[in-house]
Amino acid sequence: MAALLYSRLLEAHPYLTLSIINGTLSTIGDGCAQLLLGGGLTSWDTLRTLRFLAFGSGIGPLAGMWNRYLEENFPLRPPTPTYEPIPLEQVITGGRIGASPAIRQSFEGFGDNKQHRRTGSGVLSDLNHAQLLQPAATPTTSMGLPAVSPFLLAKRLAVDQIFM
């Protein structure tokens, strides 16, 4: 539920959402550090907490813009293909449905085993409903996303560290 709300707010108001979230997380981080390492509530530094809130709120939109720039110019995953498969008949006939007899005869007998050669069924008759131009299988993560290339990850980390 919280993730859905965050996603909706990020789409509707990206800079405000990043500012609020980063400011809140910076404040929580400073509070934990002061409670655990600074001696508890007796030595609480309110001015320091406000500085963390201001810094986190200010850096949030800048970090968001920087990450958007990195994702657009140094993507970690290859772009997904946007084309749709085309039936074989449309590829061979230039868009007309059904191949001409001359084209159909030229493909007869080019089966990939002896059974096709004996029966006379060829590649075209076997692939009448086959789809061409399907994207190549790429390794995916458990969530179905394409796997991140180690080379692209190293390149992006280098750019991030050099310019940030």
C-alpha atoms as a PDB file:
ATOM      1  CA  MET A   1       0.000   0.000   0.000  1.00  0.00           C
ATOM      2  CA  ALA A   2       2.766   2.439   0.943  1.00  0.00           C
ATOM      3  CA  ALA A   3       4.727   1.570  -2.202  1.00  0.00           C
ATOM      4  CA  LEU A   4       1.680   2.242  -4.371  1.00  0.00           C
ATOM      5  CA  LEU A   5       1.073   5.578  -2.669  1.00  0.00           C
ATOM      6  CA  TYR A   6       4.740   6.524  -3.095  1.00  0.00           C
ATOM      7  CA  SER A   7       4.644   5.591  -6.795  1.00  0.00           C
ATOM      8  CA  ARG A   8       1.520   7.677  -7.387  1.00  0.00           C
ATOM      9  CA  LEU A   9       2.932  10.675  -5.544  1.00  0.00           C
ATOM     10  CA  LEU A  10       6.242  10.350  -7.373  1.00  0.00           C
ATOM     11  CA  GLU A  11       4.455  10.412 -10.721  1.00  0.00           C
ATOM     12  CA  ALA A  12       2.187  13.332  -9.788  1.00  0.00           C
ATOM     13  CA  HIS A  13       4.691  15.507  -7.862  1.00  0.00           C
ATOM     14  CA  PRO A  14       8.216  14.120  -8.318  1.00  0.00           C
ATOM     15  CA  TYR A  15      10.267  16.930  -6.757  1.00  0.00           C
ATOM     16  CA  LEU A  16       7.993  17.514  -3.790  1.00  0.00           C
ATOM     17  CA  THR A  17       7.817  13.784  -3.068  1.00  0.00           C
ATOM     18  CA  LEU A  18      11.593  13.362  -3.280  1.00  0.00           C
ATOM     19  CA  SER A  19      12.091  16.389  -1.055  1.00  0.00           C
ATOM     20  CA  ILE A  20       9.704  15.134   1.632  1.00  0.00           C
ATOM     21  CA  ILE A  21      10.948  11.536   1.572  1.00  0.00           C
ATOM     22  CA  ASN A  22      14.648  12.450   1.614  1.00  0.00           C
ATOM     23  CA  GLY A  23      14.135  15.054   4.326  1.00  0.00           C
ATOM     24  CA  THR A  24      12.211  12.561   6.452  1.00  0.00           C
ATOM     25  CA  LEU A  25      14.772   9.796   5.997  1.00  0.00           C
ATOM     26  CA  SER A  26      17.655  12.173   6.789  1.00  0.00           C
ATOM     27  CA  THR A  27      15.881  13.281   9.958  1.00  0.00           C
ATOM     28  CA  ILE A  28      15.220   9.683  11.014  1.00  0.00           C
ATOM     29  CA  GLY A  29      18.846   8.784  10.346  1.00  0.00           C
ATOM     30  CA  ASP A  30      20.115  11.692  12.413  1.00  0.00           C
ATOM     31  CA  GLY A  31      17.659  10.845  15.201  1.00  0.00           C
ATOM     32  CA  CYS A  32      18.868   7.238  15.313  1.00  0.00           C
ATOM     33  CA  ALA A  33      22.490   8.388  15.378  1.00  0.00           C
ATOM     34  CA  GLN A  34      21.843  10.832  18.202  1.00  0.00           C
ATOM     35  CA  LEU A  35      19.869   8.297  20.250  1.00  0.00           C
ATOM     36  CA  LEU A  36      22.284   5.415  19.807  1.00  0.00           C
ATOM     37  CA  LEU A  37      25.631   7.221  19.707  1.00  0.00           C
ATOM     38  CA  GLY A  38      25.049  10.612  21.219  1.00  0.00           C
ATOM     39  CA  GLY A  39      23.837   9.793  24.696  1.00  0.00           C
ATOM     40  CA  GLY A  40      20.047   9.636  24.308  1.00  0.00           C
ATOM     41  CA  LEU A  41      17.416  12.328  24.675  1.00  0.00           C
ATOM     42  CA  THR A  42      19.319  14.324  27.293  1.00  0.00           C
ATOM     43  CA  SER A  43      21.882  15.559  24.798  1.00  0.00           C
ATOM     44  CA  TRP A  44      19.584  15.976  21.786  1.00  0.00           C
ATOM     45  CA  ASP A  45      20.812  18.571  19.266  1.00  0.00           C
ATOM     46  CA  THR A  46      17.678  20.026  17.676  1.00  0.00           C
ATOM     47  CA  LEU A  47      19.596  22.395  15.415  1.00  0.00           C
ATOM     48  CA  ARG A  48      21.575  19.463  13.989  1.00  0.00           C
ATOM     49  CA  THR A  49      18.330  17.583  13.268  1.00  0.00           C
ATOM     50  CA  LEU A  50      16.925  20.627  11.467  1.00  0.00           C
ATOM     51  CA  ARG A  51      20.117  20.878   9.395  1.00  0.00           C
ATOM     52  CA  PHE A  52      19.714  17.233   8.365  1.00  0.00           C
ATOM     53  CA  LEU A  53      16.067  17.900   7.467  1.00  0.00           C
ATOM     54  CA  ALA A  54      17.007  20.921   5.339  1.00  0.00           C
ATOM     55  CA  PHE A  55      19.909  19.144   3.624  1.00  0.00           C
ATOM     56  CA  GLY A  56      17.862  16.002   2.895  1.00  0.00           C
ATOM     57  CA  SER A  57      14.948  18.035   1.573  1.00  0.00           C
ATOM     58  CA  GLY A  58      17.214  20.089  -0.664  1.00  0.00           C
ATOM     59  CA  ILE A  59      19.315  17.243  -2.035  1.00  0.00           C
ATOM     60  CA  GLY A  60      16.321  14.970  -2.805  1.00  0.00           C
ATOM     61  CA  PRO A  61      15.183  16.652  -6.048  1.00  0.00           C
ATOM     62  CA  LEU A  62      18.793  17.106  -7.194  1.00  0.00           C
ATOM     63  CA  ALA A  63      19.530  13.413  -6.641  1.00  0.00           C
ATOM     64  CA  GLY A  64      16.326  12.557  -8.518  1.00  0.00           C
ATOM     65  CA  MET A  65      17.361  14.669 -11.511  1.00  0.00           C
ATOM     66  CA  TRP A  66      20.854  13.155 -11.453  1.00  0.00           C
ATOM     67  CA  ASN A  67      19.462   9.600 -11.382  1.00  0.00           C
ATOM     68  CA  ARG A  68      17.058  10.408 -14.234  1.00  0.00           C
ATOM     69  CA  TYR A  69      20.000  11.722 -16.273  1.00  0.00           C
ATOM     70  CA  LEU A  70      21.988   8.551 -15.541  1.00  0.00           C
ATOM     71  CA  GLU A  71      19.091   6.293 -16.470  1.00  0.00           C
ATOM     72  CA  GLU A  72      18.481   8.091 -19.755  1.00  0.00           C
ATOM     73  CA  ASN A  73      22.137   8.297 -20.817  1.00  0.00           C
ATOM     74  CA  PHE A  74      23.585   5.183 -19.159  1.00  0.00           C
ATOM     75  CA  PRO A  75      20.731   2.657 -18.890  1.00  0.00           C
ATOM     76  CA  LEU A  76      21.421  -0.473 -16.846  1.00  0.00           C
ATOM     77  CA  ARG A  77      19.063  -2.657 -18.857  1.00  0.00           C
ATOM     78  CA  PRO A  78      18.807  -2.844 -22.634  1.00  0.00           C
ATOM     79  CA  PRO A  79      15.695  -1.226 -24.069  1.00  0.00           C
ATOM     80  CA  THR A  80      12.835  -3.630 -24.636  1.00  0.00           C
ATOM     81  CA  PRO A  81      11.804  -4.164 -28.253  1.00  0.00           C
ATOM     82  CA  THR A  82       8.682  -2.283 -29.232  1.00  0.00           C
ATOM     83  CA  TYR A  83       7.875  -4.035 -32.505  1.00  0.00           C
ATOM     84  CA  GLU A  84       5.249  -6.724 -32.852  1.00  0.00           C
ATOM     85  CA  PRO A  85       5.852 -10.081 -34.545  1.00  0.00           C
ATOM     86  CA  ILE A  86       4.899 -10.269 -38.217  1.00  0.00           C
ATOM     87  CA  PRO A  87       3.404 -13.434 -39.717  1.00  0.00           C
ATOM     88  CA  LEU A  88       5.654 -15.141 -42.258  1.00  0.00           C
ATOM     89  CA  GLU A  89       3.067 -14.834 -45.032  1.00  0.00           C
ATOM     90  CA  GLN A  90       3.082 -11.054 -44.749  1.00  0.00           C
ATOM     91  CA  VAL A  91       6.871 -10.873 -44.848  1.00  0.00           C
ATOM     92  CA  ILE A  92       7.146 -12.983 -47.996  1.00  0.00           C
ATOM     93  CA  THR A  93       4.273 -11.412 -49.927  1.00  0.00           C
ATOM     94  CA  GLY A  94       4.970  -7.817 -49.046  1.00  0.00           C
ATOM     95  CA  GLY A  95       1.906  -7.383 -46.857  1.00  0.00           C
ATOM     96  CA  ARG A  96      -0.652  -9.292 -48.928  1.00  0.00           C
ATOM     97  CA  ILE A  97      -2.309 -12.229 -47.240  1.00  0.00           C
ATOM     98  CA  GLY A  98      -1.394 -15.587 -48.799  1.00  0.00           C
ATOM     99  CA  ALA A  99       1.726 -16.276 -50.776  1.00  0.00           C
ATOM    100  CA  SER A 100       1.670 -16.551 -54.538  1.00  0.00           C
ATOM    101  CA  PRO A 101       1.968 -20.088 -55.962  1.00  0.00           C
ATOM    102  CA  ALA A 102       5.479 -19.395 -57.311  1.00  0.00           C
ATOM    103  CA  ILE A 103       6.748 -18.325 -53.893  1.00  0.00           C
ATOM    104  CA  ARG A 104       4.950 -21.204 -52.179  1.00  0.00           C
ATOM    105  CA  GLN A 105       6.505 -23.749 -54.601  1.00  0.00           C
ATOM    106  CA  SER A 106       9.984 -22.316 -54.108  1.00  0.00           C
ATOM    107  CA  PHE A 107       9.763 -23.093 -50.409  1.00  0.00           C
ATOM    108  CA  GLU A 108       8.412 -26.636 -50.813  1.00  0.00           C
ATOM    109  CA  GLY A 109      10.897 -29.328 -49.939  1.00  0.00           C
ATOM    110  CA  PHE A 110      13.064 -27.116 -47.723  1.00  0.00           C
ATOM    111  CA  GLY A 111      11.887 -28.871 -44.573  1.00  0.00           C
ATOM    112  CA  ASP A 112      14.359 -29.444 -41.807  1.00  0.00           C
ATOM    113  CA  ASN A 113      14.076 -33.260 -41.776  1.00  0.00           C
ATOM    114  CA  LYS A 114      13.381 -36.203 -44.085  1.00  0.00           C
ATOM    115  CA  GLN A 115       9.730 -36.439 -43.043  1.00  0.00           C
ATOM    116  CA  HIS A 116       9.062 -33.044 -44.571  1.00  0.00           C
ATOM    117  CA  ARG A 117      10.817 -33.978 -47.791  1.00  0.00           C
ATOM    118  CA  ARG A 118       8.803 -37.192 -48.151  1.00  0.00           C
ATOM    119  CA  THR A 119       5.418 -35.642 -47.472  1.00  0.00           C
ATOM    120  CA  GLY A 120       6.047 -32.584 -49.567  1.00  0.00           C
ATOM    121  CA  SER A 121       5.250 -30.180 -46.779  1.00  0.00           C
ATOM    122  CA  GLY A 122       7.747 -27.384 -46.803  1.00  0.00           C
ATOM    123  CA  VAL A 123       8.876 -24.598 -44.584  1.00  0.00           C
ATOM    124  CA  LEU A 124       6.160 -22.236 -45.727  1.00  0.00           C
ATOM    125  CA  SER A 125       3.298 -24.604 -45.019  1.00  0.00           C
ATOM    126  CA  ASP A 126       4.746 -25.449 -41.607  1.00  0.00           C
ATOM    127  CA  LEU A 127       5.269 -21.804 -40.713  1.00  0.00           C
ATOM    128  CA  ASN A 128       2.013 -20.325 -41.994  1.00  0.00           C
ATOM    129  CA  HIS A 129       1.108 -19.195 -38.510  1.00  0.00           C
ATOM    130  CA  ALA A 130       4.636 -18.806 -37.158  1.00  0.00           C
ATOM    131  CA  GLN A 131       5.716 -15.427 -35.937  1.00  0.00           C
ATOM    132  CA  LEU A 132       8.921 -13.781 -37.090  1.00  0.00           C
ATOM    133  CA  LEU A 133      10.938 -10.993 -35.566  1.00  0.00           C
ATOM    134  CA  GLN A 134      10.356 -12.134 -32.023  1.00  0.00           C
ATOM    135  CA  PRO A 135      12.829 -10.592 -29.624  1.00  0.00           C
ATOM    136  CA  ALA A 136      15.776 -12.749 -28.659  1.00  0.00           C
ATOM    137  CA  ALA A 137      15.525 -14.364 -25.272  1.00  0.00           C
ATOM    138  CA  THR A 138      17.384 -12.276 -22.726  1.00  0.00           C
ATOM    139  CA  PRO A 139      18.207 -13.361 -19.205  1.00  0.00           C
ATOM    140  CA  THR A 140      15.687 -12.017 -16.728  1.00  0.00           C
ATOM    141  CA  THR A 141      15.543 -11.446 -12.996  1.00  0.00           C
ATOM    142  CA  SER A 142      13.040 -13.065 -10.663  1.00  0.00           C
ATOM    143  CA  MET A 143      10.711 -10.079 -11.204  1.00  0.00           C
ATOM    144  CA  GLY A 144      10.775 -10.548 -14.990  1.00  0.00           C
ATOM    145  CA  LEU A 145      13.054  -7.572 -15.697  1.00  0.00           C
ATOM    146  CA  PRO A 146      16.014  -7.980 -18.040  1.00  0.00           C
ATOM    147  CA  ALA A 147      19.231  -8.761 -16.193  1.00  0.00           C
ATOM    148  CA  VAL A 148      21.661  -5.906 -15.584  1.00  0.00           C
ATOM    149  CA  SER A 149      24.818  -6.045 -17.658  1.00  0.00           C
ATOM    150  CA  PRO A 150      27.960  -5.966 -15.466  1.00  0.00           C
ATOM    151  CA  PHE A 151      29.683  -3.752 -18.042  1.00  0.00           C
ATOM    152  CA  LEU A 152      26.833  -1.211 -18.065  1.00  0.00           C
ATOM    153  CA  LEU A 153      26.720  -1.258 -14.262  1.00  0.00           C
ATOM    154  CA  ALA A 154      30.461  -0.550 -14.016  1.00  0.00           C
ATOM    155  CA  LYS A 155      30.169   2.240 -16.598  1.00  0.00           C
ATOM    156  CA  ARG A 156      27.256   3.850 -14.766  1.00  0.00           C
ATOM    157  CA  LEU A 157      28.971   3.606 -11.382  1.00  0.00           C
ATOM    158  CA  ALA A 158      32.079   5.232 -12.848  1.00  0.00           C
ATOM    159  CA  VAL A 159      30.056   8.137 -14.260  1.00  0.00           C
ATOM    160  CA  ASP A 160      28.148   8.480 -11.002  1.00  0.00           C
ATOM    161  CA  GLN A 161      31.292   8.564  -8.875  1.00  0.00           C
ATOM    162  CA  ILE A 162      33.299  10.845 -11.165  1.00  0.00           C
ATOM    163  CA  PHE A 163      30.648  13.532 -11.571  1.00  0.00           C
ATOM    164  CA  MET A 164      28.861  13.318  -8.243  1.00  0.00           C
END
